[in-house]
Amino acid sequence: MEQLAMPLQATAVAVNEEIVSRPSWETTVLSDGDRIALFQAIAGG
């Protein structure tokens, strides 16, 4: 996410359509074929 310049405090991560909790980000093991989705919260009205 650092390479994408995404702010960590406003980002959610999902692996294979399952949300990964922030404390688990560093220990989550990825496998070939895993689908990763990054979501960034934005303000709007």
PDB file of N, CA and C in Angstrom:
ATOM      1  N   MET A   1       0.816  -1.184   0.000  1.00  0.00           N
ATOM      2  CA  MET A   1       0.000   0.000   0.000  1.00  0.00           C
ATOM      3  C   MET A   1       0.865   1.254   0.000  1.00  0.00           C
ATOM      4  N   GLU A   2       2.049   1.134   0.569  1.00  0.00           N
ATOM      5  CA  GLU A   2       2.952   2.282   0.529  1.00  0.00           C
ATOM      6  C   GLU A   2       3.294   2.639  -0.913  1.00  0.00           C
ATOM      7  N   GLN A   3       3.505   1.633  -1.752  1.00  0.00           N
ATOM      8  CA  GLN A   3       3.834   1.886  -3.151  1.00  0.00           C
ATOM      9  C   GLN A   3       2.685   2.551  -3.887  1.00  0.00           C
ATOM     10  N   LEU A   4       1.450   2.320  -3.435  1.00  0.00           N
ATOM     11  CA  LEU A   4       0.274   2.930  -4.054  1.00  0.00           C
ATOM     12  C   LEU A   4      -0.074   4.270  -3.421  1.00  0.00           C
ATOM     13  N   ALA A   5       0.676   4.671  -2.403  1.00  0.00           N
ATOM     14  CA  ALA A   5       0.445   5.922  -1.671  1.00  0.00           C
ATOM     15  C   ALA A   5      -0.955   5.969  -1.064  1.00  0.00           C
ATOM     16  N   MET A   6      -1.411   4.827  -0.542  1.00  0.00           N
ATOM     17  CA  MET A   6      -2.725   4.760   0.107  1.00  0.00           C
ATOM     18  C   MET A   6      -2.543   4.990   1.603  1.00  0.00           C
ATOM     19  N   PRO A   7      -3.324   5.895   2.185  1.00  0.00           N
ATOM     20  CA  PRO A   7      -3.218   6.118   3.632  1.00  0.00           C
ATOM     21  C   PRO A   7      -3.731   4.898   4.395  1.00  0.00           C
ATOM     22  N   LEU A   8      -2.932   4.383   5.307  1.00  0.00           N
ATOM     23  CA  LEU A   8      -3.300   3.168   6.021  1.00  0.00           C
ATOM     24  C   LEU A   8      -4.549   3.337   6.873  1.00  0.00           C
ATOM     25  N   GLN A   9      -4.735   4.516   7.459  1.00  0.00           N
ATOM     26  CA  GLN A   9      -5.859   4.714   8.372  1.00  0.00           C
ATOM     27  C   GLN A   9      -7.209   4.751   7.667  1.00  0.00           C
ATOM     28  N   ALA A  10      -7.242   4.876   6.379  1.00  0.00           N
ATOM     29  CA  ALA A  10      -8.520   4.945   5.653  1.00  0.00           C
ATOM     30  C   ALA A  10      -8.639   3.817   4.635  1.00  0.00           C
ATOM     31  N   THR A  11      -7.965   2.691   4.908  1.00  0.00           N
ATOM     32  CA  THR A  11      -7.919   1.606   3.938  1.00  0.00           C
ATOM     33  C   THR A  11      -8.397   0.296   4.558  1.00  0.00           C
ATOM     34  N   ALA A  12      -9.138  -0.475   3.789  1.00  0.00           N
ATOM     35  CA  ALA A  12      -9.548  -1.822   4.186  1.00  0.00           C
ATOM     36  C   ALA A  12      -8.981  -2.797   3.161  1.00  0.00           C
ATOM     37  N   VAL A  13      -8.691  -4.005   3.627  1.00  0.00           N
ATOM     38  CA  VAL A  13      -8.098  -5.028   2.771  1.00  0.00           C
ATOM     39  C   VAL A  13      -8.966  -6.280   2.808  1.00  0.00           C
ATOM     40  N   ALA A  14      -9.166  -6.872   1.632  1.00  0.00           N
ATOM     41  CA  ALA A  14      -9.870  -8.153   1.555  1.00  0.00           C
ATOM     42  C   ALA A  14      -9.019  -9.119   0.737  1.00  0.00           C
ATOM     43  N   VAL A  15      -8.988 -10.359   1.173  1.00  0.00           N
ATOM     44  CA  VAL A  15      -8.315 -11.424   0.435  1.00  0.00           C
ATOM     45  C   VAL A  15      -9.368 -12.487   0.151  1.00  0.00           C
ATOM     46  N   ASN A  16      -9.564 -12.762  -1.121  1.00  0.00           N
ATOM     47  CA  ASN A  16     -10.579 -13.735  -1.540  1.00  0.00           C
ATOM     48  C   ASN A  16     -11.949 -13.401  -0.945  1.00  0.00           C
ATOM     49  N   GLU A  17     -12.289 -12.136  -1.013  1.00  0.00           N
ATOM     50  CA  GLU A  17     -13.587 -11.616  -0.577  1.00  0.00           C
ATOM     51  C   GLU A  17     -13.812 -11.699   0.932  1.00  0.00           C
ATOM     52  N   GLU A  18     -12.738 -11.865   1.715  1.00  0.00           N
ATOM     53  CA  GLU A  18     -12.817 -11.868   3.175  1.00  0.00           C
ATOM     54  C   GLU A  18     -12.001 -10.691   3.700  1.00  0.00           C
ATOM     55  N   ILE A  19     -12.646  -9.847   4.508  1.00  0.00           N
ATOM     56  CA  ILE A  19     -11.938  -8.705   5.080  1.00  0.00           C
ATOM     57  C   ILE A  19     -10.841  -9.209   6.010  1.00  0.00           C
ATOM     58  N   VAL A  20      -9.659  -8.607   5.902  1.00  0.00           N
ATOM     59  CA  VAL A  20      -8.533  -8.931   6.774  1.00  0.00           C
ATOM     60  C   VAL A  20      -8.426  -7.813   7.802  1.00  0.00           C
ATOM     61  N   SER A  21      -8.470  -8.163   9.081  1.00  0.00           N
ATOM     62  CA  SER A  21      -8.383  -7.142  10.125  1.00  0.00           C
ATOM     63  C   SER A  21      -7.004  -6.488  10.099  1.00  0.00           C
ATOM     64  N   ARG A  22      -6.974  -5.236  10.449  1.00  0.00           N
ATOM     65  CA  ARG A  22      -5.716  -4.480  10.416  1.00  0.00           C
ATOM     66  C   ARG A  22      -4.598  -5.166  11.211  1.00  0.00           C
ATOM     67  N   PRO A  23      -4.866  -5.699  12.418  1.00  0.00           N
ATOM     68  CA  PRO A  23      -3.772  -6.373  13.139  1.00  0.00           C
ATOM     69  C   PRO A  23      -3.224  -7.604  12.411  1.00  0.00           C
ATOM     70  N   SER A  24      -3.986  -8.153  11.481  1.00  0.00           N
ATOM     71  CA  SER A  24      -3.553  -9.353  10.748  1.00  0.00           C
ATOM     72  C   SER A  24      -2.844  -9.049   9.439  1.00  0.00           C
ATOM     73  N   TRP A  25      -2.781  -7.788   9.053  1.00  0.00           N
ATOM     74  CA  TRP A  25      -2.185  -7.443   7.759  1.00  0.00           C
ATOM     75  C   TRP A  25      -0.775  -8.000   7.605  1.00  0.00           C
ATOM     76  N   GLU A  26       0.060  -7.824   8.608  1.00  0.00           N
ATOM     77  CA  GLU A  26       1.470  -8.206   8.473  1.00  0.00           C
ATOM     78  C   GLU A  26       1.687  -9.709   8.545  1.00  0.00           C
ATOM     79  N   THR A  27       0.734 -10.450   9.104  1.00  0.00           N
ATOM     80  CA  THR A  27       0.933 -11.891   9.271  1.00  0.00           C
ATOM     81  C   THR A  27       0.092 -12.732   8.314  1.00  0.00           C
ATOM     82  N   THR A  28      -0.734 -12.090   7.499  1.00  0.00           N
ATOM     83  CA  THR A  28      -1.562 -12.832   6.551  1.00  0.00           C
ATOM     84  C   THR A  28      -0.687 -13.395   5.435  1.00  0.00           C
ATOM     85  N   VAL A  29      -0.793 -14.691   5.227  1.00  0.00           N
ATOM     86  CA  VAL A  29      -0.008 -15.367   4.194  1.00  0.00           C
ATOM     87  C   VAL A  29      -0.841 -15.414   2.916  1.00  0.00           C
ATOM     88  N   LEU A  30      -0.233 -14.978   1.822  1.00  0.00           N
ATOM     89  CA  LEU A  30      -0.901 -15.004   0.521  1.00  0.00           C
ATOM     90  C   LEU A  30      -0.415 -16.205  -0.282  1.00  0.00           C
ATOM     91  N   SER A  31      -1.319 -16.764  -1.063  1.00  0.00           N
ATOM     92  CA  SER A  31      -0.994 -17.907  -1.916  1.00  0.00           C
ATOM     93  C   SER A  31      -1.207 -17.531  -3.374  1.00  0.00           C
ATOM     94  N   ASP A  32      -0.584 -18.285  -4.268  1.00  0.00           N
ATOM     95  CA  ASP A  32      -0.808 -18.067  -5.696  1.00  0.00           C
ATOM     96  C   ASP A  32      -2.299 -18.128  -5.984  1.00  0.00           C
ATOM     97  N   GLY A  33      -2.781 -17.189  -6.753  1.00  0.00           N
ATOM     98  CA  GLY A  33      -4.177 -17.173  -7.134  1.00  0.00           C
ATOM     99  C   GLY A  33      -5.081 -16.406  -6.187  1.00  0.00           C
ATOM    100  N   ASP A  34      -4.564 -15.964  -5.031  1.00  0.00           N
ATOM    101  CA  ASP A  34      -5.385 -15.163  -4.120  1.00  0.00           C
ATOM    102  C   ASP A  34      -5.791 -13.868  -4.797  1.00  0.00           C
ATOM    103  N   ARG A  35      -7.000 -13.430  -4.503  1.00  0.00           N
ATOM    104  CA  ARG A  35      -7.494 -12.161  -5.032  1.00  0.00           C
ATOM    105  C   ARG A  35      -7.460 -11.138  -3.908  1.00  0.00           C
ATOM    106  N   ILE A  36      -6.775 -10.036  -4.148  1.00  0.00           N
ATOM    107  CA  ILE A  36      -6.611  -8.990  -3.141  1.00  0.00           C
ATOM    108  C   ILE A  36      -7.373  -7.755  -3.591  1.00  0.00           C
ATOM    109  N   ALA A  37      -8.153  -7.203  -2.670  1.00  0.00           N
ATOM    110  CA  ALA A  37      -8.887  -5.968  -2.950  1.00  0.00           C
ATOM    111  C   ALA A  37      -8.532  -4.948  -1.882  1.00  0.00           C
ATOM    112  N   LEU A  38      -8.247  -3.727  -2.319  1.00  0.00           N
ATOM    113  CA  LEU A  38      -7.969  -2.617  -1.412  1.00  0.00           C
ATOM    114  C   LEU A  38      -9.080  -1.601  -1.563  1.00  0.00           C
ATOM    115  N   PHE A  39      -9.605  -1.152  -0.440  1.00  0.00           N
ATOM    116  CA  PHE A  39     -10.683  -0.171  -0.437  1.00  0.00           C
ATOM    117  C   PHE A  39     -10.216   1.048   0.325  1.00  0.00           C
ATOM    118  N   GLN A  40     -10.434   2.212  -0.247  1.00  0.00           N
ATOM    119  CA  GLN A  40     -10.041   3.457   0.402  1.00  0.00           C
ATOM    120  C   GLN A  40     -11.287   4.285   0.667  1.00  0.00           C
ATOM    121  N   ALA A  41     -11.467   4.667   1.931  1.00  0.00           N
ATOM    122  CA  ALA A  41     -12.601   5.509   2.302  1.00  0.00           C
ATOM    123  C   ALA A  41     -12.369   6.930   1.793  1.00  0.00           C
ATOM    124  N   ILE A  42     -13.422   7.524   1.251  1.00  0.00           N
ATOM    125  CA  ILE A  42     -13.338   8.909   0.798  1.00  0.00           C
ATOM    126  C   ILE A  42     -14.533   9.672   1.349  1.00  0.00           C
ATOM    127  N   ALA A  43     -14.317  10.930   1.619  1.00  0.00           N
ATOM    128  CA  ALA A  43     -15.394  11.779   2.128  1.00  0.00           C
ATOM    129  C   ALA A  43     -16.219  12.300   0.956  1.00  0.00           C
ATOM    130  N   GLY A  44     -17.466  12.473   1.207  1.00  0.00           N
ATOM    131  CA  GLY A  44     -18.322  12.995   0.148  1.00  0.00           C
ATOM    132  C   GLY A  44     -19.686  13.346   0.710  1.00  0.00           C
ATOM    133  N   GLY A  45     -20.503  13.823  -0.148  1.00  0.00           N
ATOM    134  CA  GLY A  45     -21.813  14.202   0.363  1.00  0.00           C
ATOM    135  C   GLY A  45     -22.893  14.010  -0.654  1.00  0.00           C
TER     136      GLY A  45
END
